[in-house]
PDB file of N, CA and C in Angstrom:
ATOM      1  N   GLY A   1       0.826 -11.463   1.403  1.00  0.00           N
ATOM      2  CA  GLY A   1      -0.456 -10.960   1.826  1.00  0.00           C
ATOM      3  C   GLY A   1      -0.213  -9.644   2.493  1.00  0.00           C
ATOM      4  N   VAL A   2      -1.356  -8.951   2.950  1.00  0.00           N
ATOM      5  CA  VAL A   2      -1.342  -7.819   3.782  1.00  0.00           C
ATOM      6  C   VAL A   2      -1.847  -8.186   5.197  1.00  0.00           C
ATOM      7  N   VAL A   3      -0.997  -7.583   6.169  1.00  0.00           N
ATOM      8  CA  VAL A   3      -1.476  -7.785   7.489  1.00  0.00           C
ATOM      9  C   VAL A   3      -2.792  -7.150   7.954  1.00  0.00           C
ATOM     10  N   THR A   4      -3.793  -7.919   8.333  1.00  0.00           N
ATOM     11  CA  THR A   4      -4.964  -7.330   8.564  1.00  0.00           C
ATOM     12  C   THR A   4      -5.260  -7.257  10.112  1.00  0.00           C
ATOM     13  N   SER A   5      -4.615  -8.243  10.784  1.00  0.00           N
ATOM     14  CA  SER A   5      -4.633  -8.245  12.255  1.00  0.00           C
ATOM     15  C   SER A   5      -3.498  -9.108  12.881  1.00  0.00           C
ATOM     16  N   PHE A   6      -3.234  -8.828  14.098  1.00  0.00           N
ATOM     17  CA  PHE A   6      -2.152  -9.667  14.746  1.00  0.00           C
ATOM     18  C   PHE A   6      -2.415  -9.602  16.246  1.00  0.00           C
ATOM     19  N   ASP A   7      -1.775 -10.597  16.945  1.00  0.00           N
ATOM     20  CA  ASP A   7      -1.777 -10.584  18.366  1.00  0.00           C
ATOM     21  C   ASP A   7      -0.317 -10.874  18.846  1.00  0.00           C
ATOM     22  N   ASN A   8      -0.172 -11.454  20.091  1.00  0.00           N
ATOM     23  CA  ASN A   8       1.134 -11.797  20.533  1.00  0.00           C
ATOM     24  C   ASN A   8       1.753 -13.016  19.851  1.00  0.00           C
ATOM     25  N   PHE A   9       0.899 -13.884  19.274  1.00  0.00           N
ATOM     26  CA  PHE A   9       1.404 -15.117  18.682  1.00  0.00           C
ATOM     27  C   PHE A   9       1.124 -15.275  17.241  1.00  0.00           C
ATOM     28  N   CYS A  10       0.126 -14.607  16.649  1.00  0.00           N
ATOM     29  CA  CYS A  10      -0.246 -14.974  15.337  1.00  0.00           C
ATOM     30  C   CYS A  10      -0.360 -13.576  14.551  1.00  0.00           C
ATOM     31  N   VAL A  11      -0.328 -13.786  13.169  1.00  0.00           N
ATOM     32  CA  VAL A  11      -0.511 -12.717  12.184  1.00  0.00           C
ATOM     33  C   VAL A  11      -1.611 -13.225  11.262  1.00  0.00           C
ATOM     34  N   LEU A  12      -2.613 -12.345  10.928  1.00  0.00           N
ATOM     35  CA  LEU A  12      -3.684 -12.687  10.002  1.00  0.00           C
ATOM     36  C   LEU A  12      -3.336 -11.904   8.736  1.00  0.00           C
ATOM     37  N   LEU A  13      -3.085 -12.737   7.564  1.00  0.00           N
ATOM     38  CA  LEU A  13      -2.748 -12.246   6.310  1.00  0.00           C
ATOM     39  C   LEU A  13      -3.930 -12.301   5.425  1.00  0.00           C
ATOM     40  N   ARG A  14      -4.193 -11.224   4.475  1.00  0.00           N
ATOM     41  CA  ARG A  14      -5.260 -11.262   3.525  1.00  0.00           C
ATOM     42  C   ARG A  14      -4.579 -11.086   2.095  1.00  0.00           C
ATOM     43  N   ARG A  15      -5.036 -12.009   1.111  1.00  0.00           N
ATOM     44  CA  ARG A  15      -4.588 -11.885  -0.308  1.00  0.00           C
ATOM     45  C   ARG A  15      -5.696 -12.504  -1.159  1.00  0.00           C
ATOM     46  N   ASP A  16      -6.131 -11.883  -2.174  1.00  0.00           N
ATOM     47  CA  ASP A  16      -6.939 -12.443  -3.208  1.00  0.00           C
ATOM     48  C   ASP A  16      -8.195 -12.885  -2.483  1.00  0.00           C
ATOM     49  N   GLY A  17      -8.682 -12.225  -1.576  1.00  0.00           N
ATOM     50  CA  GLY A  17     -10.086 -12.546  -0.935  1.00  0.00           C
ATOM     51  C   GLY A  17      -9.836 -13.650   0.026  1.00  0.00           C
ATOM     52  N   HIS A  18      -8.797 -14.165   0.332  1.00  0.00           N
ATOM     53  CA  HIS A  18      -8.712 -15.302   1.395  1.00  0.00           C
ATOM     54  C   HIS A  18      -7.791 -14.842   2.611  1.00  0.00           C
ATOM     55  N   SER A  19      -8.122 -15.306   3.787  1.00  0.00           N
ATOM     56  CA  SER A  19      -7.352 -15.003   4.825  1.00  0.00           C
ATOM     57  C   SER A  19      -6.506 -16.106   5.270  1.00  0.00           C
ATOM     58  N   GLN A  20      -5.393 -15.946   5.863  1.00  0.00           N
ATOM     59  CA  GLN A  20      -4.377 -17.007   6.148  1.00  0.00           C
ATOM     60  C   GLN A  20      -3.888 -16.566   7.627  1.00  0.00           C
ATOM     61  N   LEU A  21      -3.953 -17.475   8.656  1.00  0.00           N
ATOM     62  CA  LEU A  21      -3.497 -17.267   9.944  1.00  0.00           C
ATOM     63  C   LEU A  21      -2.072 -17.871  10.100  1.00  0.00           C
ATOM     64  N   VAL A  22      -1.105 -17.053  10.450  1.00  0.00           N
ATOM     65  CA  VAL A  22       0.227 -17.573  10.604  1.00  0.00           C
ATOM     66  C   VAL A  22       0.761 -17.282  11.833  1.00  0.00           C
ATOM     67  N   TYR A  23       1.515 -18.333  12.495  1.00  0.00           N
ATOM     68  CA  TYR A  23       2.122 -18.224  13.745  1.00  0.00           C
ATOM     69  C   TYR A  23       3.328 -17.329  13.695  1.00  0.00           C
ATOM     70  N   LYS A  24       3.637 -16.404  14.487  1.00  0.00           N
ATOM     71  CA  LYS A  24       4.805 -15.617  14.291  1.00  0.00           C
ATOM     72  C   LYS A  24       6.043 -16.351  14.422  1.00  0.00           C
ATOM     73  N   HIS A  25       6.183 -17.399  15.207  1.00  0.00           N
ATOM     74  CA  HIS A  25       7.366 -18.188  15.286  1.00  0.00           C
ATOM     75  C   HIS A  25       7.798 -18.837  14.039  1.00  0.00           C
ATOM     76  N   ALA A  26       6.782 -18.995  13.085  1.00  0.00           N
ATOM     77  CA  ALA A  26       7.031 -19.629  11.839  1.00  0.00           C
ATOM     78  C   ALA A  26       7.499 -18.626  10.703  1.00  0.00           C
ATOM     79  N   ILE A  27       7.475 -17.336  10.969  1.00  0.00           N
ATOM     80  CA  ILE A  27       7.938 -16.389  10.011  1.00  0.00           C
ATOM     81  C   ILE A  27       9.379 -16.227  10.135  1.00  0.00           C
ATOM     82  N   SER A  28      10.181 -16.377   8.932  1.00  0.00           N
ATOM     83  CA  SER A  28      11.622 -16.210   8.945  1.00  0.00           C
ATOM     84  C   SER A  28      11.909 -15.005   8.202  1.00  0.00           C
ATOM     85  N   THR A  29      11.119 -14.571   7.153  1.00  0.00           N
ATOM     86  CA  THR A  29      11.536 -13.404   6.320  1.00  0.00           C
ATOM     87  C   THR A  29      10.312 -12.729   5.936  1.00  0.00           C
ATOM     88  N   ILE A  30      10.410 -11.305   5.864  1.00  0.00           N
ATOM     89  CA  ILE A  30       9.282 -10.567   5.268  1.00  0.00           C
ATOM     90  C   ILE A  30       9.888  -9.714   4.263  1.00  0.00           C
ATOM     91  N   MET A  31       9.125  -9.482   3.075  1.00  0.00           N
ATOM     92  CA  MET A  31       9.668  -8.626   2.103  1.00  0.00           C
ATOM     93  C   MET A  31       8.503  -7.550   1.749  1.00  0.00           C
ATOM     94  N   PRO A  32       8.649  -6.353   2.103  1.00  0.00           N
ATOM     95  CA  PRO A  32       7.623  -5.280   1.904  1.00  0.00           C
ATOM     96  C   PRO A  32       7.502  -5.091   0.434  1.00  0.00           C
ATOM     97  N   SER A  33       6.288  -4.696   0.062  1.00  0.00           N
ATOM     98  CA  SER A  33       6.038  -4.403  -1.370  1.00  0.00           C
ATOM     99  C   SER A  33       6.429  -3.039  -1.812  1.00  0.00           C
ATOM    100  N   GLN A  34       6.700  -2.198  -0.831  1.00  0.00           N
ATOM    101  CA  GLN A  34       7.278  -0.778  -1.001  1.00  0.00           C
ATOM    102  C   GLN A  34       8.322  -0.520  -0.028  1.00  0.00           C
ATOM    103  N   PRO A  35       9.151   0.374  -0.431  1.00  0.00           N
ATOM    104  CA  PRO A  35      10.272   0.724   0.521  1.00  0.00           C
ATOM    105  C   PRO A  35       9.687   1.277   1.939  1.00  0.00           C
ATOM    106  N   VAL A  36      10.346   0.859   2.960  1.00  0.00           N
ATOM    107  CA  VAL A  36       9.936   1.137   4.210  1.00  0.00           C
ATOM    108  C   VAL A  36      10.898   2.166   4.875  1.00  0.00           C
ATOM    109  N   GLN A  37      10.423   3.220   5.333  1.00  0.00           N
ATOM    110  CA  GLN A  37      11.218   4.374   5.969  1.00  0.00           C
ATOM    111  C   GLN A  37      11.145   4.092   7.449  1.00  0.00           C
ATOM    112  N   MET A  38      12.341   3.713   7.913  1.00  0.00           N
ATOM    113  CA  MET A  38      12.421   3.374   9.422  1.00  0.00           C
ATOM    114  C   MET A  38      12.601   4.644  10.344  1.00  0.00           C
ATOM    115  N   PHE A  39      13.118   5.708   9.888  1.00  0.00           N
ATOM    116  CA  PHE A  39      13.261   6.798  10.683  1.00  0.00           C
ATOM    117  C   PHE A  39      12.684   8.026   9.920  1.00  0.00           C
ATOM    118  N   ASP A  40      12.569   9.233  10.749  1.00  0.00           N
ATOM    119  CA  ASP A  40      11.921  10.333  10.019  1.00  0.00           C
ATOM    120  C   ASP A  40      12.780  11.257   9.289  1.00  0.00           C
ATOM    121  N   GLY A  41      14.215  10.896   9.132  1.00  0.00           N
ATOM    122  CA  GLY A  41      15.138  11.527   8.355  1.00  0.00           C
ATOM    123  C   GLY A  41      16.056  12.325   9.199  1.00  0.00           C
ATOM    124  N   GLU A  42      15.684  12.885  10.415  1.00  0.00           N
ATOM    125  CA  GLU A  42      16.494  13.655  11.232  1.00  0.00           C
ATOM    126  C   GLU A  42      17.369  12.603  12.101  1.00  0.00           C
ATOM    127  N   GLU A  43      18.603  12.913  11.973  1.00  0.00           N
ATOM    128  CA  GLU A  43      19.652  12.039  12.684  1.00  0.00           C
ATOM    129  C   GLU A  43      19.821  12.649  14.106  1.00  0.00           C
ATOM    130  N   SER A  44      19.591  11.909  15.185  1.00  0.00           N
ATOM    131  CA  SER A  44      19.866  12.539  16.564  1.00  0.00           C
ATOM    132  C   SER A  44      21.386  12.425  16.743  1.00  0.00           C
ATOM    133  N   GLN A  45      21.922  13.401  17.219  1.00  0.00           N
ATOM    134  CA  GLN A  45      23.419  13.506  17.583  1.00  0.00           C
ATOM    135  C   GLN A  45      23.577  13.272  18.978  1.00  0.00           C
ATOM    136  N   GLY A  46      24.215  12.073  19.427  1.00  0.00           N
ATOM    137  CA  GLY A  46      24.400  11.789  20.869  1.00  0.00           C
ATOM    138  C   GLY A  46      25.518  12.392  21.392  1.00  0.00           C
ATOM    139  N   ALA A  47      25.705  12.587  22.662  1.00  0.00           N
ATOM    140  CA  ALA A  47      26.809  13.255  23.269  1.00  0.00           C
ATOM    141  C   ALA A  47      27.991  12.348  23.598  1.00  0.00           C
TER     142      ALA A  47
END
């Protein structure tokens, strides 16, 4: 589903017109439907 809302303990997912409340501690794996870019592409050079 798609995350529509969240708080410190729960995530609200929506799919096919239905909502599902999931406790975060119960989530073991997530699989994005599209590639996720974690960084902006510029690597910072540390000293």
